[in-house]
């Protein structure tokens, strides 16, 4: 079972060079937030709202978004967006470290995504982050849910998703969690997280 200490040691051993940050929409950041569940660590995910013009409309993601004027760093973007989207307050004192940035070309975005890993202390209970987190920006976030880390590494959770939906859609690997599927960019970030830990995500390795 993964612990916060395991994760912190692995991330510290694989330092990431910060991007040349500019507070512009071409820079985006997300937060992989970990918290102790009833049995093990869980990670926070959001289901994005269905919205015309959003290339990630309706998809599962980590809290986060694009940089705005006043953001001083990529981590500040992840922290502000998390507060605005799900109401969780995270900062440097909760930050375990950074994952390698990803340069995106989908839809000609030319965007750089900087993922960060955070840990919120406290056990499952009425005041736990899992209970406090909820959509605060309904135009952007439809729901918030938490997934045990072991589920992300479970071969039985491997599934596929057709995108775009319909006969002409392609087949993409994913992690099933109830009616939701973690796939695409979020799955790729999880793959990097797993590599740093010396593990693998079955959905990305064909089991």
C-alpha atoms as a PDB file:
ATOM      1  CA  UNK A   1       0.000   0.000   0.000  1.00  0.00           C
ATOM      2  CA  UNK A   2       1.418   3.379  -1.001  1.00  0.00           C
ATOM      3  CA  UNK A   3       2.093   5.917   1.729  1.00  0.00           C
ATOM      4  CA  UNK A   4       2.649   9.657   1.568  1.00  0.00           C
ATOM      5  CA  UNK A   5       6.243   9.035   2.608  1.00  0.00           C
ATOM      6  CA  UNK A   6       6.780   6.622  -0.312  1.00  0.00           C
ATOM      7  CA  UNK A   7       5.402   9.163  -2.746  1.00  0.00           C
ATOM      8  CA  UNK A   8       7.367  12.085  -1.305  1.00  0.00           C
ATOM      9  CA  UNK A   9      10.660  10.166  -1.435  1.00  0.00           C
ATOM     10  CA  UNK A  10      10.080   9.079  -5.050  1.00  0.00           C
ATOM     11  CA  UNK A  11       9.142  12.566  -6.247  1.00  0.00           C
ATOM     12  CA  UNK A  12      12.085  14.147  -4.412  1.00  0.00           C
ATOM     13  CA  UNK A  13      14.405  11.693  -6.179  1.00  0.00           C
ATOM     14  CA  UNK A  14      13.092  12.784  -9.587  1.00  0.00           C
ATOM     15  CA  UNK A  15      13.243  16.590  -9.477  1.00  0.00           C
ATOM     16  CA  UNK A  16      11.448  18.490 -12.217  1.00  0.00           C
ATOM     17  CA  UNK A  17      12.868  21.596 -13.840  1.00  0.00           C
ATOM     18  CA  UNK A  18      10.260  24.388 -13.573  1.00  0.00           C
ATOM     19  CA  UNK A  19       8.874  25.837 -16.778  1.00  0.00           C
ATOM     20  CA  UNK A  20       9.550  29.434 -17.769  1.00  0.00           C
ATOM     21  CA  UNK A  21       6.229  30.571 -16.356  1.00  0.00           C
ATOM     22  CA  UNK A  22       4.192  33.415 -17.809  1.00  0.00           C
ATOM     23  CA  UNK A  23       0.719  34.217 -16.490  1.00  0.00           C
ATOM     24  CA  UNK A  24      -0.953  33.511 -19.819  1.00  0.00           C
ATOM     25  CA  UNK A  25      -3.596  31.001 -20.965  1.00  0.00           C
ATOM     26  CA  UNK A  26      -0.956  28.914 -22.759  1.00  0.00           C
ATOM     27  CA  UNK A  27       0.235  27.801 -19.306  1.00  0.00           C
ATOM     28  CA  UNK A  28      -2.042  25.537 -17.272  1.00  0.00           C
ATOM     29  CA  UNK A  29      -1.653  23.472 -14.124  1.00  0.00           C
ATOM     30  CA  UNK A  30      -3.511  20.722 -12.275  1.00  0.00           C
ATOM     31  CA  UNK A  31      -3.428  19.379  -8.729  1.00  0.00           C
ATOM     32  CA  UNK A  32      -3.334  15.674  -7.897  1.00  0.00           C
ATOM     33  CA  UNK A  33      -4.644  15.906  -4.333  1.00  0.00           C
ATOM     34  CA  UNK A  34      -4.159  12.943  -2.011  1.00  0.00           C
ATOM     35  CA  UNK A  35      -5.981  12.340   1.241  1.00  0.00           C
ATOM     36  CA  UNK A  36      -6.325   9.401   3.607  1.00  0.00           C
ATOM     37  CA  UNK A  37      -9.539   7.480   3.000  1.00  0.00           C
ATOM     38  CA  UNK A  38     -11.106   4.852   5.213  1.00  0.00           C
ATOM     39  CA  UNK A  39      -8.574   2.250   4.022  1.00  0.00           C
ATOM     40  CA  UNK A  40      -5.838   3.970   2.021  1.00  0.00           C
ATOM     41  CA  UNK A  41      -4.826   7.127   0.206  1.00  0.00           C
ATOM     42  CA  UNK A  42      -7.356   8.465  -2.265  1.00  0.00           C
ATOM     43  CA  UNK A  43      -6.954  10.939  -5.130  1.00  0.00           C
ATOM     44  CA  UNK A  44      -9.373  13.727  -6.030  1.00  0.00           C
ATOM     45  CA  UNK A  45     -10.871  13.874  -9.525  1.00  0.00           C
ATOM     46  CA  UNK A  46     -13.499  16.055 -11.150  1.00  0.00           C
ATOM     47  CA  UNK A  47     -15.986  15.378 -13.906  1.00  0.00           C
ATOM     48  CA  UNK A  48     -15.916  18.413 -16.154  1.00  0.00           C
ATOM     49  CA  UNK A  49     -19.220  19.993 -17.112  1.00  0.00           C
ATOM     50  CA  UNK A  50     -20.531  19.534 -20.632  1.00  0.00           C
ATOM     51  CA  UNK A  51     -19.675  22.815 -22.324  1.00  0.00           C
ATOM     52  CA  UNK A  52     -19.526  23.828 -25.975  1.00  0.00           C
ATOM     53  CA  UNK A  53     -16.088  24.934 -27.072  1.00  0.00           C
ATOM     54  CA  UNK A  54     -14.282  23.106 -24.261  1.00  0.00           C
ATOM     55  CA  UNK A  55     -12.012  20.420 -25.796  1.00  0.00           C
ATOM     56  CA  UNK A  56     -12.162  18.507 -22.486  1.00  0.00           C
ATOM     57  CA  UNK A  57     -15.938  18.887 -22.079  1.00  0.00           C
ATOM     58  CA  UNK A  58     -17.436  16.166 -19.876  1.00  0.00           C
ATOM     59  CA  UNK A  59     -14.133  14.407 -19.240  1.00  0.00           C
ATOM     60  CA  UNK A  60     -12.595  13.265 -15.978  1.00  0.00           C
ATOM     61  CA  UNK A  61      -9.704  15.471 -14.865  1.00  0.00           C
ATOM     62  CA  UNK A  62      -7.746  16.749 -11.909  1.00  0.00           C
ATOM     63  CA  UNK A  63      -8.761  20.145 -10.496  1.00  0.00           C
ATOM     64  CA  UNK A  64      -6.931  22.844 -12.392  1.00  0.00           C
ATOM     65  CA  UNK A  65      -6.994  25.171 -15.337  1.00  0.00           C
ATOM     66  CA  UNK A  66      -5.250  27.941 -17.244  1.00  0.00           C
ATOM     67  CA  UNK A  67      -3.101  30.683 -15.800  1.00  0.00           C
ATOM     68  CA  UNK A  68      -4.631  34.089 -15.216  1.00  0.00           C
ATOM     69  CA  UNK A  69      -3.237  37.548 -14.545  1.00  0.00           C
ATOM     70  CA  UNK A  70      -1.848  37.661 -11.030  1.00  0.00           C
ATOM     71  CA  UNK A  71      -0.714  34.028 -10.881  1.00  0.00           C
ATOM     72  CA  UNK A  72       2.928  34.009  -9.828  1.00  0.00           C
ATOM     73  CA  UNK A  73       3.811  30.429 -10.719  1.00  0.00           C
ATOM     74  CA  UNK A  74       2.417  27.253 -12.234  1.00  0.00           C
ATOM     75  CA  UNK A  75       1.818  25.878  -8.727  1.00  0.00           C
ATOM     76  CA  UNK A  76      -0.142  29.018  -7.865  1.00  0.00           C
ATOM     77  CA  UNK A  77      -2.401  28.280 -10.844  1.00  0.00           C
ATOM     78  CA  UNK A  78      -3.140  24.747  -9.594  1.00  0.00           C
ATOM     79  CA  UNK A  79      -3.834  26.044  -6.096  1.00  0.00           C
ATOM     80  CA  UNK A  80      -6.116  28.888  -7.186  1.00  0.00           C
ATOM     81  CA  UNK A  81      -8.052  26.729  -9.618  1.00  0.00           C
ATOM     82  CA  UNK A  82      -8.519  23.998  -6.996  1.00  0.00           C
ATOM     83  CA  UNK A  83      -9.980  26.511  -4.565  1.00  0.00           C
ATOM     84  CA  UNK A  84     -12.282  27.961  -7.220  1.00  0.00           C
ATOM     85  CA  UNK A  85     -13.407  24.615  -8.649  1.00  0.00           C
ATOM     86  CA  UNK A  86     -13.811  22.346  -5.611  1.00  0.00           C
ATOM     87  CA  UNK A  87     -13.347  24.560  -2.560  1.00  0.00           C
ATOM     88  CA  UNK A  88     -10.205  22.880  -1.208  1.00  0.00           C
ATOM     89  CA  UNK A  89      -7.510  25.249   0.045  1.00  0.00           C
ATOM     90  CA  UNK A  90      -4.036  23.956  -0.831  1.00  0.00           C
ATOM     91  CA  UNK A  91      -0.686  25.695  -0.690  1.00  0.00           C
ATOM     92  CA  UNK A  92       3.070  25.142  -0.495  1.00  0.00           C
ATOM     93  CA  UNK A  93       2.709  23.441   2.893  1.00  0.00           C
ATOM     94  CA  UNK A  94       0.596  20.714   1.251  1.00  0.00           C
ATOM     95  CA  UNK A  95       2.687  20.370  -1.910  1.00  0.00           C
ATOM     96  CA  UNK A  96       4.669  17.114  -2.219  1.00  0.00           C
ATOM     97  CA  UNK A  97       6.256  18.102  -5.512  1.00  0.00           C
ATOM     98  CA  UNK A  98       5.911  18.500  -9.247  1.00  0.00           C
ATOM     99  CA  UNK A  99       5.427  15.974 -12.012  1.00  0.00           C
ATOM    100  CA  UNK A 100       7.028  16.576 -15.429  1.00  0.00           C
ATOM    101  CA  UNK A 101       5.187  19.212 -17.485  1.00  0.00           C
ATOM    102  CA  UNK A 102       3.434  18.117 -20.640  1.00  0.00           C
ATOM    103  CA  UNK A 103       3.362  20.105 -23.879  1.00  0.00           C
ATOM    104  CA  UNK A 104      -0.024  19.798 -25.545  1.00  0.00           C
ATOM    105  CA  UNK A 105      -0.781  20.219 -29.222  1.00  0.00           C
ATOM    106  CA  UNK A 106      -4.358  18.956 -29.278  1.00  0.00           C
ATOM    107  CA  UNK A 107      -6.683  21.306 -31.157  1.00  0.00           C
ATOM    108  CA  UNK A 108      -3.653  23.494 -31.807  1.00  0.00           C
ATOM    109  CA  UNK A 109      -3.620  24.609 -28.184  1.00  0.00           C
ATOM    110  CA  UNK A 110       0.173  24.905 -27.871  1.00  0.00           C
ATOM    111  CA  UNK A 111      -0.397  24.700 -24.118  1.00  0.00           C
ATOM    112  CA  UNK A 112       1.956  23.538 -21.377  1.00  0.00           C
ATOM    113  CA  UNK A 113       0.402  21.606 -18.486  1.00  0.00           C
ATOM    114  CA  UNK A 114       2.219  21.492 -15.137  1.00  0.00           C
ATOM    115  CA  UNK A 115       0.925  18.802 -12.720  1.00  0.00           C
ATOM    116  CA  UNK A 116       1.610  18.988  -8.969  1.00  0.00           C
ATOM    117  CA  UNK A 117       1.001  16.458  -6.202  1.00  0.00           C
ATOM    118  CA  UNK A 118      -0.480  17.565  -2.864  1.00  0.00           C
ATOM    119  CA  UNK A 119      -1.411  15.885   0.400  1.00  0.00           C
ATOM    120  CA  UNK A 120      -4.138  17.017   2.784  1.00  0.00           C
ATOM    121  CA  UNK A 121      -3.855  15.464   6.211  1.00  0.00           C
ATOM    122  CA  UNK A 122      -6.723  14.066   8.224  1.00  0.00           C
ATOM    123  CA  UNK A 123      -8.640  10.808   8.209  1.00  0.00           C
ATOM    124  CA  UNK A 124     -12.035  10.015   6.780  1.00  0.00           C
ATOM    125  CA  UNK A 125     -14.727  11.756   8.795  1.00  0.00           C
ATOM    126  CA  UNK A 126     -17.153  14.679   8.697  1.00  0.00           C
ATOM    127  CA  UNK A 127     -14.338  17.209   8.289  1.00  0.00           C
ATOM    128  CA  UNK A 128     -12.209  15.207   5.837  1.00  0.00           C
ATOM    129  CA  UNK A 129     -11.385  16.806   2.458  1.00  0.00           C
ATOM    130  CA  UNK A 130     -13.499  14.143   0.743  1.00  0.00           C
ATOM    131  CA  UNK A 131     -16.536  15.584   2.507  1.00  0.00           C
ATOM    132  CA  UNK A 132     -15.622  19.235   2.006  1.00  0.00           C
ATOM    133  CA  UNK A 133     -14.837  19.085  -1.698  1.00  0.00           C
ATOM    134  CA  UNK A 134     -17.753  19.902  -3.979  1.00  0.00           C
ATOM    135  CA  UNK A 135     -18.276  21.712  -7.285  1.00  0.00           C
ATOM    136  CA  UNK A 136     -17.957  25.488  -6.786  1.00  0.00           C
ATOM    137  CA  UNK A 137     -17.931  26.412 -10.479  1.00  0.00           C
ATOM    138  CA  UNK A 138     -20.912  24.571 -12.013  1.00  0.00           C
ATOM    139  CA  UNK A 139     -20.153  25.868 -15.508  1.00  0.00           C
ATOM    140  CA  UNK A 140     -16.823  24.041 -15.322  1.00  0.00           C
ATOM    141  CA  UNK A 141     -17.242  21.173 -12.838  1.00  0.00           C
ATOM    142  CA  UNK A 142     -20.167  18.749 -12.753  1.00  0.00           C
ATOM    143  CA  UNK A 143     -19.005  16.573  -9.833  1.00  0.00           C
ATOM    144  CA  UNK A 144     -16.100  15.720  -7.520  1.00  0.00           C
ATOM    145  CA  UNK A 145     -15.113  12.175  -6.581  1.00  0.00           C
ATOM    146  CA  UNK A 146     -12.254  10.326  -4.882  1.00  0.00           C
ATOM    147  CA  UNK A 147     -10.540   7.167  -6.103  1.00  0.00           C
ATOM    148  CA  UNK A 148      -8.395   4.835  -3.939  1.00  0.00           C
ATOM    149  CA  UNK A 149      -4.854   4.741  -5.325  1.00  0.00           C
ATOM    150  CA  UNK A 150      -4.905   0.939  -5.494  1.00  0.00           C
ATOM    151  CA  UNK A 151      -7.799   1.155  -7.959  1.00  0.00           C
ATOM    152  CA  UNK A 152      -5.631   3.056 -10.426  1.00  0.00           C
ATOM    153  CA  UNK A 153      -3.198   0.110 -10.488  1.00  0.00           C
ATOM    154  CA  UNK A 154      -5.898  -2.601 -10.649  1.00  0.00           C
ATOM    155  CA  UNK A 155      -5.889  -4.622 -13.875  1.00  0.00           C
ATOM    156  CA  UNK A 156      -9.583  -5.367 -13.350  1.00  0.00           C
ATOM    157  CA  UNK A 157     -10.329  -1.641 -13.748  1.00  0.00           C
ATOM    158  CA  UNK A 158      -8.896  -1.435 -17.277  1.00  0.00           C
ATOM    159  CA  UNK A 159     -11.460  -0.438 -19.877  1.00  0.00           C
ATOM    160  CA  UNK A 160     -11.772   1.445 -23.165  1.00  0.00           C
ATOM    161  CA  UNK A 161     -13.655   4.557 -24.173  1.00  0.00           C
ATOM    162  CA  UNK A 162     -14.954   5.573 -27.582  1.00  0.00           C
ATOM    163  CA  UNK A 163     -14.186   9.189 -28.471  1.00  0.00           C
ATOM    164  CA  UNK A 164     -15.854  10.986 -30.025  1.00  0.00           C
ATOM    165  CA  UNK A 165     -18.945   8.896 -29.277  1.00  0.00           C
ATOM    166  CA  UNK A 166     -20.422   7.112 -32.275  1.00  0.00           C
ATOM    167  CA  UNK A 167     -19.369   4.900 -35.135  1.00  0.00           C
ATOM    168  CA  UNK A 168     -16.492   7.152 -36.170  1.00  0.00           C
ATOM    169  CA  UNK A 169     -14.962   7.413 -32.720  1.00  0.00           C
ATOM    170  CA  UNK A 170     -11.579   5.973 -31.797  1.00  0.00           C
ATOM    171  CA  UNK A 171     -10.903   3.517 -28.990  1.00  0.00           C
ATOM    172  CA  UNK A 172      -8.841   4.811 -26.076  1.00  0.00           C
ATOM    173  CA  UNK A 173      -7.604   3.016 -22.948  1.00  0.00           C
ATOM    174  CA  UNK A 174      -8.951   4.071 -19.586  1.00  0.00           C
ATOM    175  CA  UNK A 175      -9.546   3.222 -15.949  1.00  0.00           C
ATOM    176  CA  UNK A 176     -13.172   2.514 -15.136  1.00  0.00           C
ATOM    177  CA  UNK A 177     -14.587   3.780 -11.850  1.00  0.00           C
ATOM    178  CA  UNK A 178     -18.305   3.241 -11.623  1.00  0.00           C
ATOM    179  CA  UNK A 179     -19.840   4.988 -14.626  1.00  0.00           C
ATOM    180  CA  UNK A 180     -16.791   7.204 -15.099  1.00  0.00           C
ATOM    181  CA  UNK A 181     -13.647   6.572 -17.148  1.00  0.00           C
ATOM    182  CA  UNK A 182     -10.259   8.154 -16.423  1.00  0.00           C
ATOM    183  CA  UNK A 183      -8.524   8.467 -19.780  1.00  0.00           C
ATOM    184  CA  UNK A 184      -6.678  10.802 -22.117  1.00  0.00           C
ATOM    185  CA  UNK A 185      -4.480  13.510 -20.640  1.00  0.00           C
ATOM    186  CA  UNK A 186      -5.371  12.642 -17.042  1.00  0.00           C
ATOM    187  CA  UNK A 187      -4.418   9.016 -17.620  1.00  0.00           C
ATOM    188  CA  UNK A 188      -1.107  10.148 -19.142  1.00  0.00           C
ATOM    189  CA  UNK A 189      -0.348  12.231 -16.036  1.00  0.00           C
ATOM    190  CA  UNK A 190      -1.131   9.196 -13.877  1.00  0.00           C
ATOM    191  CA  UNK A 191       1.257   7.186 -16.040  1.00  0.00           C
ATOM    192  CA  UNK A 192       4.062   9.641 -15.275  1.00  0.00           C
ATOM    193  CA  UNK A 193       3.184   9.515 -11.572  1.00  0.00           C
ATOM    194  CA  UNK A 194       3.398   5.710 -11.673  1.00  0.00           C
ATOM    195  CA  UNK A 195       6.745   5.739 -13.495  1.00  0.00           C
ATOM    196  CA  UNK A 196       8.261   7.974 -10.822  1.00  0.00           C
ATOM    197  CA  UNK A 197       7.064   5.475  -8.215  1.00  0.00           C
ATOM    198  CA  UNK A 198       8.588   2.595 -10.182  1.00  0.00           C
ATOM    199  CA  UNK A 199       5.138   1.205 -10.974  1.00  0.00           C
ATOM    200  CA  UNK A 200       2.891   0.879 -13.995  1.00  0.00           C
ATOM    201  CA  UNK A 201      -0.677   1.755 -14.865  1.00  0.00           C
ATOM    202  CA  UNK A 202      -2.186  -1.376 -16.453  1.00  0.00           C
ATOM    203  CA  UNK A 203      -4.447   0.732 -18.682  1.00  0.00           C
ATOM    204  CA  UNK A 204      -1.315   2.170 -20.347  1.00  0.00           C
ATOM    205  CA  UNK A 205       0.664  -1.034 -20.651  1.00  0.00           C
ATOM    206  CA  UNK A 206      -1.861  -3.503 -22.066  1.00  0.00           C
ATOM    207  CA  UNK A 207      -1.981  -5.173 -18.629  1.00  0.00           C
END
